[in-house]
All heavy atoms as atom14 arrays in JSON, in Angstrom:
{
  "sequence": "HGAICYLDEIVEARKDTTVVIHPLADDRRELPVEKLGL",
  "atom14_mask": [
    [1, 1, 1, 1, 1, 1, 1, 1, 1, 1, 0, 0, 0, 0],
    [1, 1, 1, 1, 0, 0, 0, 0, 0, 0, 0, 0, 0, 0],
    [1, 1, 1, 1, 1, 0, 0, 0, 0, 0, 0, 0, 0, 0],
    [1, 1, 1, 1, 1, 1, 1, 1, 0, 0, 0, 0, 0, 0],
    [1, 1, 1, 1, 1, 1, 0, 0, 0, 0, 0, 0, 0, 0],
    [1, 1, 1, 1, 1, 1, 1, 1, 1, 1, 1, 1, 0, 0],
    [1, 1, 1, 1, 1, 1, 1, 1, 0, 0, 0, 0, 0, 0],
    [1, 1, 1, 1, 1, 1, 1, 1, 0, 0, 0, 0, 0, 0],
    [1, 1, 1, 1, 1, 1, 1, 1, 1, 0, 0, 0, 0, 0],
    [1, 1, 1, 1, 1, 1, 1, 1, 0, 0, 0, 0, 0, 0],
    [1, 1, 1, 1, 1, 1, 1, 0, 0, 0, 0, 0, 0, 0],
    [1, 1, 1, 1, 1, 1, 1, 1, 1, 0, 0, 0, 0, 0],
    [1, 1, 1, 1, 1, 0, 0, 0, 0, 0, 0, 0, 0, 0],
    [1, 1, 1, 1, 1, 1, 1, 1, 1, 1, 1, 0, 0, 0],
    [1, 1, 1, 1, 1, 1, 1, 1, 1, 0, 0, 0, 0, 0],
    [1, 1, 1, 1, 1, 1, 1, 1, 0, 0, 0, 0, 0, 0],
    [1, 1, 1, 1, 1, 1, 1, 0, 0, 0, 0, 0, 0, 0],
    [1, 1, 1, 1, 1, 1, 1, 0, 0, 0, 0, 0, 0, 0],
    [1, 1, 1, 1, 1, 1, 1, 0, 0, 0, 0, 0, 0, 0],
    [1, 1, 1, 1, 1, 1, 1, 0, 0, 0, 0, 0, 0, 0],
    [1, 1, 1, 1, 1, 1, 1, 1, 0, 0, 0, 0, 0, 0],
    [1, 1, 1, 1, 1, 1, 1, 1, 1, 1, 0, 0, 0, 0],
    [1, 1, 1, 1, 1, 1, 1, 0, 0, 0, 0, 0, 0, 0],
    [1, 1, 1, 1, 1, 1, 1, 1, 0, 0, 0, 0, 0, 0],
    [1, 1, 1, 1, 1, 0, 0, 0, 0, 0, 0, 0, 0, 0],
    [1, 1, 1, 1, 1, 1, 1, 1, 0, 0, 0, 0, 0, 0],
    [1, 1, 1, 1, 1, 1, 1, 1, 0, 0, 0, 0, 0, 0],
    [1, 1, 1, 1, 1, 1, 1, 1, 1, 1, 1, 0, 0, 0],
    [1, 1, 1, 1, 1, 1, 1, 1, 1, 1, 1, 0, 0, 0],
    [1, 1, 1, 1, 1, 1, 1, 1, 1, 0, 0, 0, 0, 0],
    [1, 1, 1, 1, 1, 1, 1, 1, 0, 0, 0, 0, 0, 0],
    [1, 1, 1, 1, 1, 1, 1, 0, 0, 0, 0, 0, 0, 0],
    [1, 1, 1, 1, 1, 1, 1, 0, 0, 0, 0, 0, 0, 0],
    [1, 1, 1, 1, 1, 1, 1, 1, 1, 0, 0, 0, 0, 0],
    [1, 1, 1, 1, 1, 1, 1, 1, 1, 0, 0, 0, 0, 0],
    [1, 1, 1, 1, 1, 1, 1, 1, 0, 0, 0, 0, 0, 0],
    [1, 1, 1, 1, 0, 0, 0, 0, 0, 0, 0, 0, 0, 0],
    [1, 1, 1, 1, 1, 1, 1, 1, 0, 0, 0, 0, 0, 0]
  ],
  "atom14_positions": [
    [[210.8, 196.82, 187.93], [211.81, 196.16, 188.76], [211.92, 196.74, 190.17], [212.82, 196.36, 190.92], [213.18, 196.26, 188.08], [213.3, 195.39, 186.86], [213.76, 194.1, 186.91], [212.98, 195.63, 185.57], [213.73, 193.58, 185.7], [213.28, 194.49, 184.86], [0.0, 0.0, 0.0], [0.0, 0.0, 0.0], [0.0, 0.0, 0.0], [0.0, 0.0, 0.0]],
    [[211.03, 197.65, 190.53], [211.09, 198.21, 191.88], [212.37, 198.99, 192.11], [212.98, 198.9, 193.18], [0.0, 0.0, 0.0], [0.0, 0.0, 0.0], [0.0, 0.0, 0.0], [0.0, 0.0, 0.0], [0.0, 0.0, 0.0], [0.0, 0.0, 0.0], [0.0, 0.0, 0.0], [0.0, 0.0, 0.0], [0.0, 0.0, 0.0], [0.0, 0.0, 0.0]],
    [[212.79, 199.76, 191.11], [214.0, 200.57, 191.23], [213.63, 201.99, 191.65], [212.45, 202.33, 191.8], [214.74, 200.6, 189.89], [0.0, 0.0, 0.0], [0.0, 0.0, 0.0], [0.0, 0.0, 0.0], [0.0, 0.0, 0.0], [0.0, 0.0, 0.0], [0.0, 0.0, 0.0], [0.0, 0.0, 0.0], [0.0, 0.0, 0.0], [0.0, 0.0, 0.0]],
    [[214.63, 202.83, 191.83], [214.43, 204.25, 192.09], [214.6, 204.98, 190.76], [215.63, 204.83, 190.11], [215.44, 204.8, 193.11], [215.3, 204.07, 194.45], [215.25, 206.3, 193.31], [216.39, 204.42, 195.45], [0.0, 0.0, 0.0], [0.0, 0.0, 0.0], [0.0, 0.0, 0.0], [0.0, 0.0, 0.0], [0.0, 0.0, 0.0], [0.0, 0.0, 0.0]],
    [[213.61, 205.75, 190.36], [213.72, 206.55, 189.14], [213.91, 208.0, 189.56], [213.06, 208.58, 190.26], [212.47, 206.41, 188.28], [212.63, 207.23, 186.67], [0.0, 0.0, 0.0], [0.0, 0.0, 0.0], [0.0, 0.0, 0.0], [0.0, 0.0, 0.0], [0.0, 0.0, 0.0], [0.0, 0.0, 0.0], [0.0, 0.0, 0.0], [0.0, 0.0, 0.0]],
    [[215.02, 208.59, 189.13], [215.39, 209.94, 189.53], [215.39, 210.85, 188.31], [216.21, 210.68, 187.4], [216.78, 209.91, 190.19], [217.37, 211.26, 190.51], [216.64, 212.25, 191.15], [218.71, 211.55, 190.19], [217.2, 213.48, 191.45], [219.28, 212.77, 190.5], [218.52, 213.73, 191.12], [219.07, 214.95, 191.42], [0.0, 0.0, 0.0], [0.0, 0.0, 0.0]],
    [[214.46, 211.78, 188.27], [214.35, 212.74, 187.16], [215.06, 214.03, 187.55], [214.53, 214.84, 188.32], [212.88, 213.01, 186.83], [212.02, 211.77, 186.55], [210.58, 212.17, 186.23], [212.6, 210.94, 185.41], [0.0, 0.0, 0.0], [0.0, 0.0, 0.0], [0.0, 0.0, 0.0], [0.0, 0.0, 0.0], [0.0, 0.0, 0.0], [0.0, 0.0, 0.0]],
    [[216.27, 214.2, 187.04], [217.12, 215.33, 187.4], [216.71, 216.57, 186.6], [216.54, 216.5, 185.39], [218.58, 214.96, 187.12], [219.55, 215.97, 187.68], [219.18, 216.71, 188.61], [220.69, 216.02, 187.2], [0.0, 0.0, 0.0], [0.0, 0.0, 0.0], [0.0, 0.0, 0.0], [0.0, 0.0, 0.0], [0.0, 0.0, 0.0], [0.0, 0.0, 0.0]],
    [[216.59, 217.7, 187.29], [216.16, 218.97, 186.68], [214.82, 218.8, 185.96], [214.69, 219.07, 184.77], [217.24, 219.51, 185.73], [218.54, 219.88, 186.42], [218.37, 221.02, 187.43], [217.36, 221.73, 187.39], [219.28, 221.17, 188.28], [0.0, 0.0, 0.0], [0.0, 0.0, 0.0], [0.0, 0.0, 0.0], [0.0, 0.0, 0.0], [0.0, 0.0, 0.0]],
    [[213.84, 218.4, 186.72], [212.51, 218.09, 186.19], [211.87, 219.28, 185.48], [211.11, 219.1, 184.52], [211.58, 217.59, 187.33], [210.2, 217.17, 186.82], [211.46, 218.64, 188.43], [210.2, 215.91, 186.01], [0.0, 0.0, 0.0], [0.0, 0.0, 0.0], [0.0, 0.0, 0.0], [0.0, 0.0, 0.0], [0.0, 0.0, 0.0], [0.0, 0.0, 0.0]],
    [[212.19, 220.51, 185.89], [211.56, 221.67, 185.29], [212.02, 221.9, 183.85], [211.4, 222.67, 183.11], [211.81, 222.96, 186.11], [211.14, 222.87, 187.46], [213.29, 223.24, 186.25], [0.0, 0.0, 0.0], [0.0, 0.0, 0.0], [0.0, 0.0, 0.0], [0.0, 0.0, 0.0], [0.0, 0.0, 0.0], [0.0, 0.0, 0.0], [0.0, 0.0, 0.0]],
    [[213.11, 221.24, 183.45], [213.59, 221.39, 182.07], [212.74, 220.57, 181.09], [212.77, 220.82, 179.88], [215.05, 220.93, 181.96], [216.03, 221.76, 182.78], [216.09, 223.2, 182.31], [215.88, 223.45, 181.1], [216.36, 224.09, 183.15], [0.0, 0.0, 0.0], [0.0, 0.0, 0.0], [0.0, 0.0, 0.0], [0.0, 0.0, 0.0], [0.0, 0.0, 0.0]],
    [[212.0, 219.59, 181.59], [211.17, 218.75, 180.71], [209.9, 219.49, 180.31], [209.44, 220.41, 181.0], [210.82, 217.45, 181.42], [0.0, 0.0, 0.0], [0.0, 0.0, 0.0], [0.0, 0.0, 0.0], [0.0, 0.0, 0.0], [0.0, 0.0, 0.0], [0.0, 0.0, 0.0], [0.0, 0.0, 0.0], [0.0, 0.0, 0.0], [0.0, 0.0, 0.0]],
    [[209.33, 219.09, 179.19], [208.07, 219.69, 178.73], [206.95, 219.37, 179.71], [206.92, 218.32, 180.34], [207.72, 219.16, 177.34], [208.75, 219.47, 176.29], [208.26, 219.16, 174.88], [207.39, 218.01, 174.79], [207.55, 217.03, 173.87], [208.57, 217.08, 173.03], [206.71, 216.03, 173.81], [0.0, 0.0, 0.0], [0.0, 0.0, 0.0], [0.0, 0.0, 0.0]],
    [[205.99, 220.3, 179.82], [204.88, 220.12, 180.75], [204.06, 218.88, 180.43], [203.6, 218.18, 181.33], [203.97, 221.36, 180.73], [204.65, 222.66, 181.1], [205.21, 222.64, 182.5], [205.85, 223.97, 182.86], [206.51, 223.94, 184.18], [0.0, 0.0, 0.0], [0.0, 0.0, 0.0], [0.0, 0.0, 0.0], [0.0, 0.0, 0.0], [0.0, 0.0, 0.0]],
    [[203.86, 218.59, 179.14], [203.05, 217.43, 178.78], [203.78, 216.13, 179.1], [203.16, 215.07, 179.19], [202.67, 217.47, 177.3], [203.89, 217.46, 176.37], [204.91, 218.06, 176.75], [203.81, 216.86, 175.29], [0.0, 0.0, 0.0], [0.0, 0.0, 0.0], [0.0, 0.0, 0.0], [0.0, 0.0, 0.0], [0.0, 0.0, 0.0], [0.0, 0.0, 0.0]],
    [[205.09, 216.2, 179.27], [205.86, 215.02, 179.63], [205.78, 214.75, 181.13], [205.61, 213.6, 181.56], [207.33, 215.17, 179.21], [207.39, 215.36, 177.79], [208.14, 213.95, 179.58], [0.0, 0.0, 0.0], [0.0, 0.0, 0.0], [0.0, 0.0, 0.0], [0.0, 0.0, 0.0], [0.0, 0.0, 0.0], [0.0, 0.0, 0.0], [0.0, 0.0, 0.0]],
    [[205.89, 215.81, 181.93], [205.9, 215.62, 183.38], [204.55, 215.13, 183.91], [204.49, 214.52, 184.98], [206.28, 216.92, 184.1], [205.39, 217.97, 183.7], [207.7, 217.33, 183.76], [0.0, 0.0, 0.0], [0.0, 0.0, 0.0], [0.0, 0.0, 0.0], [0.0, 0.0, 0.0], [0.0, 0.0, 0.0], [0.0, 0.0, 0.0], [0.0, 0.0, 0.0]],
    [[203.47, 215.38, 183.16], [202.15, 214.93, 183.6], [202.1, 213.41, 183.76], [201.35, 212.88, 184.57], [201.07, 215.41, 182.61], [199.72, 214.76, 182.91], [200.93, 216.93, 182.68], [0.0, 0.0, 0.0], [0.0, 0.0, 0.0], [0.0, 0.0, 0.0], [0.0, 0.0, 0.0], [0.0, 0.0, 0.0], [0.0, 0.0, 0.0], [0.0, 0.0, 0.0]],
    [[202.95, 212.7, 183.01], [202.92, 211.24, 183.03], [203.3, 210.69, 184.4], [202.93, 209.55, 184.74], [203.85, 210.66, 181.94], [205.31, 210.77, 182.35], [203.51, 209.21, 181.63], [0.0, 0.0, 0.0], [0.0, 0.0, 0.0], [0.0, 0.0, 0.0], [0.0, 0.0, 0.0], [0.0, 0.0, 0.0], [0.0, 0.0, 0.0], [0.0, 0.0, 0.0]],
    [[204.0, 211.49, 185.23], [204.4, 210.98, 186.54], [203.31, 211.14, 187.59], [203.42, 210.58, 188.69], [205.69, 211.66, 187.04], [205.43, 213.14, 187.39], [206.82, 211.51, 186.04], [206.63, 213.83, 188.02], [0.0, 0.0, 0.0], [0.0, 0.0, 0.0], [0.0, 0.0, 0.0], [0.0, 0.0, 0.0], [0.0, 0.0, 0.0], [0.0, 0.0, 0.0]],
    [[202.25, 211.89, 187.29], [201.22, 212.16, 188.29], [200.61, 210.9, 188.9], [200.49, 210.81, 190.13], [200.14, 213.06, 187.7], [200.55, 214.49, 187.6], [199.69, 215.51, 187.25], [201.75, 215.09, 187.81], [200.34, 216.66, 187.25], [201.6, 216.43, 187.58], [0.0, 0.0, 0.0], [0.0, 0.0, 0.0], [0.0, 0.0, 0.0], [0.0, 0.0, 0.0]],
    [[200.2, 209.9, 188.1], [199.61, 208.7, 188.72], [200.6, 207.93, 189.59], [200.18, 207.19, 190.49], [199.18, 207.85, 187.52], [199.15, 208.77, 186.36], [200.18, 209.81, 186.63], [0.0, 0.0, 0.0], [0.0, 0.0, 0.0], [0.0, 0.0, 0.0], [0.0, 0.0, 0.0], [0.0, 0.0, 0.0], [0.0, 0.0, 0.0], [0.0, 0.0, 0.0]],
    [[201.91, 208.1, 189.32], [202.92, 207.42, 190.13], [203.23, 208.17, 191.41], [203.72, 207.59, 192.37], [204.22, 207.27, 189.33], [204.33, 206.1, 188.36], [205.61, 206.22, 187.56], [204.28, 204.77, 189.1], [0.0, 0.0, 0.0], [0.0, 0.0, 0.0], [0.0, 0.0, 0.0], [0.0, 0.0, 0.0], [0.0, 0.0, 0.0], [0.0, 0.0, 0.0]],
    [[202.95, 209.47, 191.42], [203.35, 210.33, 192.53], [202.25, 210.56, 193.54], [202.41, 211.38, 194.45], [203.87, 211.67, 192.0], [0.0, 0.0, 0.0], [0.0, 0.0, 0.0], [0.0, 0.0, 0.0], [0.0, 0.0, 0.0], [0.0, 0.0, 0.0], [0.0, 0.0, 0.0], [0.0, 0.0, 0.0], [0.0, 0.0, 0.0], [0.0, 0.0, 0.0]],
    [[201.12, 209.86, 193.4], [200.09, 209.95, 194.43], [199.78, 208.55, 194.93], [200.51, 207.6, 194.64], [198.85, 210.7, 193.93], [198.24, 210.08, 192.68], [198.36, 208.85, 192.5], [197.64, 210.8, 191.88], [0.0, 0.0, 0.0], [0.0, 0.0, 0.0], [0.0, 0.0, 0.0], [0.0, 0.0, 0.0], [0.0, 0.0, 0.0], [0.0, 0.0, 0.0]],
    [[198.69, 208.39, 195.66], [198.42, 207.09, 196.29], [198.05, 205.99, 195.3], [198.01, 204.81, 195.66], [197.34, 207.22, 197.35], [196.04, 207.83, 196.8], [195.99, 208.09, 195.59], [195.11, 208.03, 197.6], [0.0, 0.0, 0.0], [0.0, 0.0, 0.0], [0.0, 0.0, 0.0], [0.0, 0.0, 0.0], [0.0, 0.0, 0.0], [0.0, 0.0, 0.0]],
    [[197.85, 206.34, 194.02], [197.58, 205.28, 193.03], [198.84, 204.48, 192.73], [198.77, 203.27, 192.56], [197.05, 205.91, 191.73], [195.66, 206.46, 191.81], [195.29, 207.21, 190.55], [196.05, 208.48, 190.42], [195.97, 209.28, 189.37], [195.21, 208.95, 188.32], [196.66, 210.41, 189.34], [0.0, 0.0, 0.0], [0.0, 0.0, 0.0], [0.0, 0.0, 0.0]],
    [[199.96, 205.15, 192.6], [201.24, 204.51, 192.26], [201.08, 203.59, 191.05], [201.46, 202.41, 191.08], [201.81, 203.76, 193.47], [202.39, 204.7, 194.52], [202.83, 203.98, 195.77], [203.85, 202.97, 195.53], [205.16, 203.2, 195.49], [205.61, 204.45, 195.63], [206.02, 202.23, 195.31], [0.0, 0.0, 0.0], [0.0, 0.0, 0.0], [0.0, 0.0, 0.0]],
    [[200.54, 204.16, 189.99], [200.3, 203.4, 188.76], [200.94, 204.1, 187.58], [201.06, 205.33, 187.55], [198.8, 203.26, 188.5], [198.04, 202.48, 189.55], [196.55, 202.5, 189.32], [196.07, 203.41, 188.6], [195.85, 201.63, 189.88], [0.0, 0.0, 0.0], [0.0, 0.0, 0.0], [0.0, 0.0, 0.0], [0.0, 0.0, 0.0], [0.0, 0.0, 0.0]],
    [[201.33, 203.31, 186.6], [201.9, 203.85, 185.37], [201.12, 203.3, 184.18], [201.27, 202.13, 183.82], [203.37, 203.47, 185.24], [204.06, 203.95, 183.94], [204.11, 205.47, 183.89], [205.47, 203.36, 183.82], [0.0, 0.0, 0.0], [0.0, 0.0, 0.0], [0.0, 0.0, 0.0], [0.0, 0.0, 0.0], [0.0, 0.0, 0.0], [0.0, 0.0, 0.0]],
    [[200.26, 204.12, 183.56], [199.55, 203.65, 182.37], [200.46, 203.72, 181.13], [201.12, 204.73, 180.9], [198.38, 204.65, 182.25], [198.85, 205.88, 182.95], [199.83, 205.46, 183.99], [0.0, 0.0, 0.0], [0.0, 0.0, 0.0], [0.0, 0.0, 0.0], [0.0, 0.0, 0.0], [0.0, 0.0, 0.0], [0.0, 0.0, 0.0], [0.0, 0.0, 0.0]],
    [[200.53, 202.63, 180.39], [201.32, 202.59, 179.16], [200.33, 202.34, 178.02], [199.95, 201.19, 177.73], [202.39, 201.48, 179.21], [203.22, 201.48, 177.92], [203.3, 201.69, 180.41], [0.0, 0.0, 0.0], [0.0, 0.0, 0.0], [0.0, 0.0, 0.0], [0.0, 0.0, 0.0], [0.0, 0.0, 0.0], [0.0, 0.0, 0.0], [0.0, 0.0, 0.0]],
    [[199.89, 203.43, 177.39], [198.82, 203.34, 176.39], [199.23, 202.51, 175.19], [198.41, 201.79, 174.62], [198.42, 204.76, 175.96], [197.8, 205.59, 177.09], [197.43, 206.98, 176.63], [197.62, 207.29, 175.42], [196.95, 207.77, 177.46], [0.0, 0.0, 0.0], [0.0, 0.0, 0.0], [0.0, 0.0, 0.0], [0.0, 0.0, 0.0], [0.0, 0.0, 0.0]],
    [[200.5, 202.6, 174.78], [200.94, 201.86, 173.59], [200.86, 200.35, 173.79], [200.74, 199.6, 172.82], [202.35, 202.27, 173.2], [202.45, 203.7, 172.71], [203.88, 204.07, 172.34], [203.97, 205.5, 171.82], [205.38, 205.89, 171.48], [0.0, 0.0, 0.0], [0.0, 0.0, 0.0], [0.0, 0.0, 0.0], [0.0, 0.0, 0.0], [0.0, 0.0, 0.0]],
    [[200.95, 199.91, 175.03], [200.83, 198.49, 175.33], [199.43, 198.12, 175.81], [199.1, 196.93, 175.9], [201.84, 198.08, 176.42], [203.33, 198.15, 176.07], [204.17, 197.78, 177.29], [203.65, 197.21, 174.9], [0.0, 0.0, 0.0], [0.0, 0.0, 0.0], [0.0, 0.0, 0.0], [0.0, 0.0, 0.0], [0.0, 0.0, 0.0], [0.0, 0.0, 0.0]],
    [[198.65, 199.14, 176.13], [197.31, 198.87, 176.67], [197.39, 198.26, 178.05], [196.52, 197.45, 178.43], [0.0, 0.0, 0.0], [0.0, 0.0, 0.0], [0.0, 0.0, 0.0], [0.0, 0.0, 0.0], [0.0, 0.0, 0.0], [0.0, 0.0, 0.0], [0.0, 0.0, 0.0], [0.0, 0.0, 0.0], [0.0, 0.0, 0.0], [0.0, 0.0, 0.0]],
    [[198.42, 198.65, 178.83], [198.63, 198.05, 180.14], [198.72, 199.13, 181.22], [199.05, 200.28, 180.95], [199.92, 197.22, 180.16], [199.96, 195.98, 179.26], [201.36, 195.37, 179.28], [198.92, 194.96, 179.69], [0.0, 0.0, 0.0], [0.0, 0.0, 0.0], [0.0, 0.0, 0.0], [0.0, 0.0, 0.0], [0.0, 0.0, 0.0], [0.0, 0.0, 0.0]]
  ]
}
C-alpha cells in the first residue's frame, strides 16, 4: 500500500529476522515472500 513501515528498537529483533529488510533497504526495494512465491 505504499505505507511507512517503522521498526522500533530494531536491535531487539533476531538477526535472522532483520536480514529480511535488506532487499528493501537498498536500491532493489524488493520484498521476496517465499511462502507465496512472489
